[in-house]
PDB file of all heavy atoms in Angstrom:
ATOM      1  N   LEU A   1       0.826  -1.262   0.029  1.00  0.00           N
ATOM      2  CA  LEU A   1       0.009  -0.053  -0.016  1.00  0.00           C
ATOM      3  C   LEU A   1       0.918   1.232   0.016  1.00  0.00           C
ATOM      4  O   LEU A   1       1.754   1.332   0.792  1.00  0.00           O
ATOM      5  CB  LEU A   1      -0.872  -0.023   1.239  1.00  0.00           C
ATOM      6  CG  LEU A   1      -1.943  -1.047   1.306  1.00  0.00           C
ATOM      7  CD1 LEU A   1      -2.502  -1.297   2.663  1.00  0.00           C
ATOM      8  CD2 LEU A   1      -3.085  -0.838   0.302  1.00  0.00           C
ATOM      9  N   PRO A   2       0.549   2.181  -0.850  1.00  0.00           N
ATOM     10  CA  PRO A   2       1.382   3.441  -0.947  1.00  0.00           C
ATOM     11  C   PRO A   2       1.124   4.251   0.329  1.00  0.00           C
ATOM     12  O   PRO A   2      -0.015   4.401   0.855  1.00  0.00           O
ATOM     13  CB  PRO A   2       0.943   4.190  -2.206  1.00  0.00           C
ATOM     14  CG  PRO A   2      -0.468   3.546  -2.508  1.00  0.00           C
ATOM     15  CD  PRO A   2      -0.351   2.186  -2.058  1.00  0.00           C
ATOM     16  N   MET A   3       2.143   4.941   0.895  1.00  0.00           N
ATOM     17  CA  MET A   3       2.000   5.858   1.952  1.00  0.00           C
ATOM     18  C   MET A   3       2.299   7.228   1.595  1.00  0.00           C
ATOM     19  O   MET A   3       3.217   7.457   0.767  1.00  0.00           O
ATOM     20  CB  MET A   3       2.921   5.467   3.222  1.00  0.00           C
ATOM     21  CG  MET A   3       2.925   4.081   3.576  1.00  0.00           C
ATOM     22  SD  MET A   3       4.054   3.596   4.918  1.00  0.00           S
ATOM     23  CE  MET A   3       3.507   4.601   6.180  1.00  0.00           C
ATOM     24  N   TYR A   4       1.380   8.114   2.112  1.00  0.00           N
ATOM     25  CA  TYR A   4       1.556   9.581   1.733  1.00  0.00           C
ATOM     26  C   TYR A   4       1.840  10.430   2.958  1.00  0.00           C
ATOM     27  O   TYR A   4       1.404  10.029   4.105  1.00  0.00           O
ATOM     28  CB  TYR A   4       0.310  10.019   1.046  1.00  0.00           C
ATOM     29  CG  TYR A   4      -0.069   9.315  -0.258  1.00  0.00           C
ATOM     30  CD1 TYR A   4      -0.901   8.139  -0.241  1.00  0.00           C
ATOM     31  CD2 TYR A   4       0.430   9.560  -1.499  1.00  0.00           C
ATOM     32  CE1 TYR A   4      -1.327   7.361  -1.196  1.00  0.00           C
ATOM     33  CE2 TYR A   4       0.262   8.799  -2.603  1.00  0.00           C
ATOM     34  CZ  TYR A   4      -0.721   7.688  -2.483  1.00  0.00           C
ATOM     35  OH  TYR A   4      -0.979   6.941  -3.684  1.00  0.00           O
ATOM     36  N   GLU A   5       2.309  11.547   2.681  1.00  0.00           N
ATOM     37  CA  GLU A   5       2.610  12.481   3.849  1.00  0.00           C
ATOM     38  C   GLU A   5       1.311  13.122   4.301  1.00  0.00           C
ATOM     39  O   GLU A   5       0.398  13.581   3.536  1.00  0.00           O
ATOM     40  CB  GLU A   5       3.500  13.567   3.409  1.00  0.00           C
ATOM     41  CG  GLU A   5       3.866  14.544   4.398  1.00  0.00           C
ATOM     42  CD  GLU A   5       4.963  15.627   3.983  1.00  0.00           C
ATOM     43  OE1 GLU A   5       5.195  15.610   2.785  1.00  0.00           O
ATOM     44  OE2 GLU A   5       5.394  16.394   4.913  1.00  0.00           O
ATOM     45  N   LEU A   6       1.154  13.174   5.650  1.00  0.00           N
ATOM     46  CA  LEU A   6      -0.048  13.709   6.329  1.00  0.00           C
ATOM     47  C   LEU A   6       0.109  15.243   6.495  1.00  0.00           C
ATOM     48  O   LEU A   6       1.197  15.664   6.828  1.00  0.00           O
ATOM     49  CB  LEU A   6      -0.322  13.187   7.673  1.00  0.00           C
ATOM     50  CG  LEU A   6      -1.535  13.537   8.488  1.00  0.00           C
ATOM     51  CD1 LEU A   6      -2.752  13.128   7.731  1.00  0.00           C
ATOM     52  CD2 LEU A   6      -1.346  13.028   9.915  1.00  0.00           C
ATOM     53  N   ALA A   7      -0.999  15.995   6.057  1.00  0.00           N
ATOM     54  CA  ALA A   7      -0.848  17.463   6.234  1.00  0.00           C
ATOM     55  C   ALA A   7      -0.647  17.849   7.512  1.00  0.00           C
ATOM     56  O   ALA A   7      -1.027  17.158   8.583  1.00  0.00           O
ATOM     57  CB  ALA A   7      -2.195  18.047   5.657  1.00  0.00           C
ATOM     58  N   ASP A   8       0.214  18.952   7.810  1.00  0.00           N
ATOM     59  CA  ASP A   8       0.486  19.441   9.109  1.00  0.00           C
ATOM     60  C   ASP A   8      -0.675  19.793   9.931  1.00  0.00           C
ATOM     61  O   ASP A   8      -0.624  19.737  11.209  1.00  0.00           O
ATOM     62  CB  ASP A   8       1.441  20.630   9.011  1.00  0.00           C
ATOM     63  CG  ASP A   8       2.818  20.289   8.439  1.00  0.00           C
ATOM     64  OD1 ASP A   8       3.137  19.080   8.565  1.00  0.00           O
ATOM     65  OD2 ASP A   8       3.426  21.258   7.965  1.00  0.00           O
ATOM     66  N   SER A   9      -1.717  20.114   9.351  1.00  0.00           N
ATOM     67  CA  SER A   9      -2.995  20.513  10.113  1.00  0.00           C
ATOM     68  C   SER A   9      -3.739  19.281  10.652  1.00  0.00           C
ATOM     69  O   SER A   9      -4.682  19.561  11.441  1.00  0.00           O
ATOM     70  CB  SER A   9      -3.928  21.301   9.195  1.00  0.00           C
ATOM     71  OG  SER A   9      -4.333  20.640   8.037  1.00  0.00           O
ATOM     72  N   LYS A  10      -3.398  18.050  10.164  1.00  0.00           N
ATOM     73  CA  LYS A  10      -4.184  16.984  10.664  1.00  0.00           C
ATOM     74  C   LYS A  10      -3.506  16.360  11.873  1.00  0.00           C
ATOM     75  O   LYS A  10      -2.298  16.288  11.978  1.00  0.00           O
ATOM     76  CB  LYS A  10      -4.120  15.901   9.455  1.00  0.00           C
ATOM     77  CG  LYS A  10      -4.905  16.250   8.180  1.00  0.00           C
ATOM     78  CD  LYS A  10      -6.442  16.280   8.385  1.00  0.00           C
ATOM     79  CE  LYS A  10      -7.041  16.427   7.141  1.00  0.00           C
ATOM     80  NZ  LYS A  10      -7.047  15.228   6.338  1.00  0.00           N
ATOM     81  N   LEU A  11      -4.420  15.902  12.776  1.00  0.00           N
ATOM     82  CA  LEU A  11      -3.997  15.174  13.906  1.00  0.00           C
ATOM     83  C   LEU A  11      -2.880  15.957  14.696  1.00  0.00           C
ATOM     84  O   LEU A  11      -1.913  15.480  14.970  1.00  0.00           O
ATOM     85  CB  LEU A  11      -3.559  13.746  13.656  1.00  0.00           C
ATOM     86  CG  LEU A  11      -4.546  12.874  13.085  1.00  0.00           C
ATOM     87  CD1 LEU A  11      -3.948  11.518  12.572  1.00  0.00           C
ATOM     88  CD2 LEU A  11      -5.742  12.628  13.884  1.00  0.00           C
ATOM     89  N   PRO A  12      -3.257  17.194  15.214  1.00  0.00           N
ATOM     90  CA  PRO A  12      -2.161  17.923  15.928  1.00  0.00           C
ATOM     91  C   PRO A  12      -1.779  17.235  17.250  1.00  0.00           C
ATOM     92  O   PRO A  12      -0.601  17.364  17.649  1.00  0.00           O
ATOM     93  CB  PRO A  12      -3.013  19.184  16.316  1.00  0.00           C
ATOM     94  CG  PRO A  12      -4.335  19.056  16.161  1.00  0.00           C
ATOM     95  CD  PRO A  12      -4.536  17.869  15.032  1.00  0.00           C
ATOM     96  N   GLU A  13      -2.672  16.490  17.877  1.00  0.00           N
ATOM     97  CA  GLU A  13      -2.288  15.647  19.031  1.00  0.00           C
ATOM     98  C   GLU A  13      -1.927  14.244  18.341  1.00  0.00           C
ATOM     99  O   GLU A  13      -2.479  13.737  17.321  1.00  0.00           O
ATOM    100  CB  GLU A  13      -3.436  15.339  19.949  1.00  0.00           C
ATOM    101  CG  GLU A  13      -3.976  16.503  20.663  1.00  0.00           C
ATOM    102  CD  GLU A  13      -5.032  16.135  21.648  1.00  0.00           C
ATOM    103  OE1 GLU A  13      -6.248  16.137  21.160  1.00  0.00           O
ATOM    104  OE2 GLU A  13      -4.800  15.773  22.852  1.00  0.00           O
ATOM    105  N   LYS A  14      -0.888  13.605  18.771  1.00  0.00           N
ATOM    106  CA  LYS A  14      -0.446  12.357  18.263  1.00  0.00           C
ATOM    107  C   LYS A  14      -1.564  11.395  18.387  1.00  0.00           C
ATOM    108  O   LYS A  14      -2.083  11.161  19.455  1.00  0.00           O
ATOM    109  CB  LYS A  14       0.761  11.767  19.070  1.00  0.00           C
ATOM    110  CG  LYS A  14       2.075  12.682  18.867  1.00  0.00           C
ATOM    111  CD  LYS A  14       3.169  12.047  19.595  1.00  0.00           C
ATOM    112  CE  LYS A  14       4.522  12.942  19.263  1.00  0.00           C
ATOM    113  NZ  LYS A  14       5.553  12.258  20.121  1.00  0.00           N
ATOM    114  N   GLY A  15      -1.943  10.744  17.360  1.00  0.00           N
ATOM    115  CA  GLY A  15      -3.073   9.854  17.293  1.00  0.00           C
ATOM    116  C   GLY A  15      -3.348   9.201  16.006  1.00  0.00           C
ATOM    117  O   GLY A  15      -2.530   9.469  14.966  1.00  0.00           O
ATOM    118  N   THR A  16      -4.520   8.607  15.723  1.00  0.00           N
ATOM    119  CA  THR A  16      -4.767   7.958  14.655  1.00  0.00           C
ATOM    120  C   THR A  16      -6.334   8.086  14.217  1.00  0.00           C
ATOM    121  O   THR A  16      -7.138   8.282  15.202  1.00  0.00           O
ATOM    122  CB  THR A  16      -4.668   6.315  14.697  1.00  0.00           C
ATOM    123  OG1 THR A  16      -3.217   6.093  15.010  1.00  0.00           O
ATOM    124  CG2 THR A  16      -5.036   5.626  13.422  1.00  0.00           C
ATOM    125  N   ARG A  17      -6.612   8.336  12.973  1.00  0.00           N
ATOM    126  CA  ARG A  17      -8.007   8.429  12.444  1.00  0.00           C
ATOM    127  C   ARG A  17      -8.210   7.541  11.349  1.00  0.00           C
ATOM    128  O   ARG A  17      -7.408   7.487  10.372  1.00  0.00           O
ATOM    129  CB  ARG A  17      -8.247   9.918  12.057  1.00  0.00           C
ATOM    130  CG  ARG A  17      -9.649  10.202  11.569  1.00  0.00           C
ATOM    131  CD  ARG A  17      -9.808  11.641  11.211  1.00  0.00           C
ATOM    132  NE  ARG A  17     -11.265  12.021  10.979  1.00  0.00           N
ATOM    133  CZ  ARG A  17     -11.920  11.869   9.855  1.00  0.00           C
ATOM    134  NH1 ARG A  17     -11.335  11.250   8.796  1.00  0.00           N
ATOM    135  NH2 ARG A  17     -13.267  12.168   9.803  1.00  0.00           N
ATOM    136  N   ILE A  18      -9.274   6.684  11.464  1.00  0.00           N
ATOM    137  CA  ILE A  18      -9.548   5.698  10.428  1.00  0.00           C
ATOM    138  C   ILE A  18     -11.090   6.028   9.984  1.00  0.00           C
ATOM    139  O   ILE A  18     -12.063   6.118  10.811  1.00  0.00           O
ATOM    140  CB  ILE A  18      -9.595   4.213  10.984  1.00  0.00           C
ATOM    141  CG1 ILE A  18      -8.156   3.916  11.552  1.00  0.00           C
ATOM    142  CG2 ILE A  18     -10.019   3.265   9.906  1.00  0.00           C
ATOM    143  CD1 ILE A  18      -8.053   2.602  12.157  1.00  0.00           C
ATOM    144  N   GLU A  19     -11.183   6.307   8.682  1.00  0.00           N
ATOM    145  CA  GLU A  19     -12.567   6.551   8.187  1.00  0.00           C
ATOM    146  C   GLU A  19     -12.793   5.423   7.099  1.00  0.00           C
ATOM    147  O   GLU A  19     -12.001   5.264   6.258  1.00  0.00           O
ATOM    148  CB  GLU A  19     -12.613   7.927   7.569  1.00  0.00           C
ATOM    149  CG  GLU A  19     -14.080   8.277   7.071  1.00  0.00           C
ATOM    150  CD  GLU A  19     -14.281   9.820   6.902  1.00  0.00           C
ATOM    151  OE1 GLU A  19     -13.258  10.549   7.042  1.00  0.00           O
ATOM    152  OE2 GLU A  19     -15.399  10.186   6.750  1.00  0.00           O
ATOM    153  N   ILE A  20     -14.036   4.849   7.205  1.00  0.00           N
ATOM    154  CA  ILE A  20     -14.366   3.858   6.354  1.00  0.00           C
ATOM    155  C   ILE A  20     -15.610   4.119   5.558  1.00  0.00           C
ATOM    156  O   ILE A  20     -16.644   4.464   6.211  1.00  0.00           O
ATOM    157  CB  ILE A  20     -14.665   2.463   7.104  1.00  0.00           C
ATOM    158  CG1 ILE A  20     -13.273   2.145   7.818  1.00  0.00           C
ATOM    159  CG2 ILE A  20     -14.883   1.324   6.155  1.00  0.00           C
ATOM    160  CD1 ILE A  20     -13.514   0.875   8.825  1.00  0.00           C
ATOM    161  N   TYR A  21     -15.592   4.060   4.190  1.00  0.00           N
ATOM    162  CA  TYR A  21     -16.773   4.257   3.330  1.00  0.00           C
ATOM    163  C   TYR A  21     -17.190   2.965   2.645  1.00  0.00           C
ATOM    164  O   TYR A  21     -16.600   2.044   2.786  1.00  0.00           O
ATOM    165  CB  TYR A  21     -16.373   5.360   2.209  1.00  0.00           C
ATOM    166  CG  TYR A  21     -15.977   6.650   2.830  1.00  0.00           C
ATOM    167  CD1 TYR A  21     -14.633   6.992   2.984  1.00  0.00           C
ATOM    168  CD2 TYR A  21     -17.001   7.696   3.085  1.00  0.00           C
ATOM    169  CE1 TYR A  21     -14.318   8.252   3.449  1.00  0.00           C
ATOM    170  CE2 TYR A  21     -16.717   8.881   3.578  1.00  0.00           C
ATOM    171  CZ  TYR A  21     -15.369   9.167   3.755  1.00  0.00           C
ATOM    172  OH  TYR A  21     -15.048  10.458   4.205  1.00  0.00           O
ATOM    173  N   GLN A  22     -18.308   3.212   1.857  1.00  0.00           N
ATOM    174  CA  GLN A  22     -18.821   1.996   1.145  1.00  0.00           C
ATOM    175  C   GLN A  22     -19.020   0.805   2.006  1.00  0.00           C
ATOM    176  O   GLN A  22     -18.472  -0.268   1.949  1.00  0.00           O
ATOM    177  CB  GLN A  22     -17.933   1.657  -0.120  1.00  0.00           C
ATOM    178  CG  GLN A  22     -17.882   2.650  -1.076  1.00  0.00           C
ATOM    179  CD  GLN A  22     -17.277   2.164  -2.450  1.00  0.00           C
ATOM    180  OE1 GLN A  22     -17.322   0.879  -2.746  1.00  0.00           O
ATOM    181  NE2 GLN A  22     -16.760   3.022  -3.222  1.00  0.00           N
ATOM    182  N   LEU A  23     -19.791   1.139   3.205  1.00  0.00           N
ATOM    183  CA  LEU A  23     -20.014   0.078   4.194  1.00  0.00           C
ATOM    184  C   LEU A  23     -20.660  -1.096   3.567  1.00  0.00           C
ATOM    185  O   LEU A  23     -21.599  -1.047   2.664  1.00  0.00           O
ATOM    186  CB  LEU A  23     -20.907   0.748   5.290  1.00  0.00           C
ATOM    187  CG  LEU A  23     -20.331   2.001   5.957  1.00  0.00           C
ATOM    188  CD1 LEU A  23     -21.320   2.367   7.098  1.00  0.00           C
ATOM    189  CD2 LEU A  23     -18.915   1.536   6.591  1.00  0.00           C
ATOM    190  N   ASN A  24     -20.490  -2.185   4.180  1.00  0.00           N
ATOM    191  CA  ASN A  24     -21.137  -3.496   3.784  1.00  0.00           C
ATOM    192  C   ASN A  24     -22.626  -3.554   4.210  1.00  0.00           C
ATOM    193  O   ASN A  24     -22.981  -2.789   5.205  1.00  0.00           O
ATOM    194  CB  ASN A  24     -20.417  -4.714   4.365  1.00  0.00           C
ATOM    195  CG  ASN A  24     -19.030  -4.866   3.924  1.00  0.00           C
ATOM    196  OD1 ASN A  24     -18.708  -4.558   2.666  1.00  0.00           O
ATOM    197  ND2 ASN A  24     -18.077  -5.283   4.666  1.00  0.00           N
ATOM    198  N   ASP A  25     -23.521  -4.244   3.555  1.00  0.00           N
ATOM    199  CA  ASP A  25     -24.777  -4.189   3.828  1.00  0.00           C
ATOM    200  C   ASP A  25     -25.183  -4.482   5.359  1.00  0.00           C
ATOM    201  O   ASP A  25     -26.100  -3.771   5.901  1.00  0.00           O
ATOM    202  CB  ASP A  25     -25.582  -5.176   2.840  1.00  0.00           C
ATOM    203  CG  ASP A  25     -25.586  -4.792   1.505  1.00  0.00           C
ATOM    204  OD1 ASP A  25     -25.322  -3.514   1.261  1.00  0.00           O
ATOM    205  OD2 ASP A  25     -25.809  -5.651   0.545  1.00  0.00           O
ATOM    206  N   GLU A  26     -24.490  -5.458   5.899  1.00  0.00           N
ATOM    207  CA  GLU A  26     -24.751  -5.889   7.266  1.00  0.00           C
ATOM    208  C   GLU A  26     -24.485  -4.626   8.180  1.00  0.00           C
ATOM    209  O   GLU A  26     -25.123  -4.336   9.223  1.00  0.00           O
ATOM    210  CB  GLU A  26     -23.900  -7.044   7.655  1.00  0.00           C
ATOM    211  CG  GLU A  26     -23.926  -7.390   9.184  1.00  0.00           C
ATOM    212  CD  GLU A  26     -22.776  -8.184   9.615  1.00  0.00           C
ATOM    213  OE1 GLU A  26     -21.900  -8.520   8.798  1.00  0.00           O
ATOM    214  OE2 GLU A  26     -22.499  -8.365  10.807  1.00  0.00           O
ATOM    215  N   VAL A  27     -23.301  -4.028   7.933  1.00  0.00           N
ATOM    216  CA  VAL A  27     -22.946  -2.831   8.749  1.00  0.00           C
ATOM    217  C   VAL A  27     -23.990  -1.702   8.584  1.00  0.00           C
ATOM    218  O   VAL A  27     -24.311  -1.117   9.533  1.00  0.00           O
ATOM    219  CB  VAL A  27     -21.565  -2.373   8.206  1.00  0.00           C
ATOM    220  CG1 VAL A  27     -21.109  -1.184   9.112  1.00  0.00           C
ATOM    221  CG2 VAL A  27     -20.560  -3.516   8.475  1.00  0.00           C
ATOM    222  N   LYS A  28     -24.351  -1.355   7.393  1.00  0.00           N
ATOM    223  CA  LYS A  28     -25.441  -0.337   7.085  1.00  0.00           C
ATOM    224  C   LYS A  28     -26.611  -0.633   8.049  1.00  0.00           C
ATOM    225  O   LYS A  28     -27.248   0.227   8.574  1.00  0.00           O
ATOM    226  CB  LYS A  28     -25.794  -0.199   5.687  1.00  0.00           C
ATOM    227  CG  LYS A  28     -24.621   0.380   4.767  1.00  0.00           C
ATOM    228  CD  LYS A  28     -25.266   0.303   3.263  1.00  0.00           C
ATOM    229  CE  LYS A  28     -24.143   0.763   2.368  1.00  0.00           C
ATOM    230  NZ  LYS A  28     -24.666   0.752   0.926  1.00  0.00           N
ATOM    231  N   SER A  29     -27.099  -1.824   7.917  1.00  0.00           N
ATOM    232  CA  SER A  29     -28.377  -2.183   8.690  1.00  0.00           C
ATOM    233  C   SER A  29     -28.074  -1.975  10.173  1.00  0.00           C
ATOM    234  O   SER A  29     -29.031  -1.488  10.850  1.00  0.00           O
ATOM    235  CB  SER A  29     -28.666  -3.651   8.283  1.00  0.00           C
ATOM    236  OG  SER A  29     -29.710  -4.066   9.131  1.00  0.00           O
ATOM    237  N   SER A  30     -26.940  -2.522  10.641  1.00  0.00           N
ATOM    238  CA  SER A  30     -26.750  -2.287  12.176  1.00  0.00           C
ATOM    239  C   SER A  30     -26.644  -0.803  12.554  1.00  0.00           C
ATOM    240  O   SER A  30     -27.190  -0.416  13.535  1.00  0.00           O
ATOM    241  CB  SER A  30     -25.423  -3.025  12.535  1.00  0.00           C
ATOM    242  OG  SER A  30     -25.624  -4.423  12.301  1.00  0.00           O
ATOM    243  N   PHE A  31     -25.977   0.043  11.706  1.00  0.00           N
ATOM    244  CA  PHE A  31     -25.668   1.334  12.037  1.00  0.00           C
ATOM    245  C   PHE A  31     -27.065   2.309  11.930  1.00  0.00           C
ATOM    246  O   PHE A  31     -27.037   3.397  12.367  1.00  0.00           O
ATOM    247  CB  PHE A  31     -24.639   1.880  11.092  1.00  0.00           C
ATOM    248  CG  PHE A  31     -23.270   1.520  11.464  1.00  0.00           C
ATOM    249  CD1 PHE A  31     -22.964   0.703  12.503  1.00  0.00           C
ATOM    250  CD2 PHE A  31     -22.129   1.997  10.746  1.00  0.00           C
ATOM    251  CE1 PHE A  31     -21.682   0.187  12.780  1.00  0.00           C
ATOM    252  CE2 PHE A  31     -20.891   1.633  10.986  1.00  0.00           C
ATOM    253  CZ  PHE A  31     -20.584   0.722  12.122  1.00  0.00           C
ATOM    254  N   LEU A  32     -27.953   1.755  11.251  1.00  0.00           N
ATOM    255  CA  LEU A  32     -29.323   2.194  11.187  1.00  0.00           C
ATOM    256  C   LEU A  32     -30.273   2.036  12.415  1.00  0.00           C
ATOM    257  O   LEU A  32     -31.340   2.538  12.565  1.00  0.00           O
ATOM    258  CB  LEU A  32     -29.985   2.003   9.953  1.00  0.00           C
ATOM    259  CG  LEU A  32     -29.608   2.718   8.559  1.00  0.00           C
ATOM    260  CD1 LEU A  32     -30.147   2.066   7.280  1.00  0.00           C
ATOM    261  CD2 LEU A  32     -29.867   4.169   8.610  1.00  0.00           C
TER     262      LEU A  32
END
């Protein structure tokens, strides 16, 4: 997987952010 530089404005506190799109059908149903 390619890695890219994170913008300086992102995550000013040391940490991690994971965002997931195109959720699977089971997940959509549960999240509703």
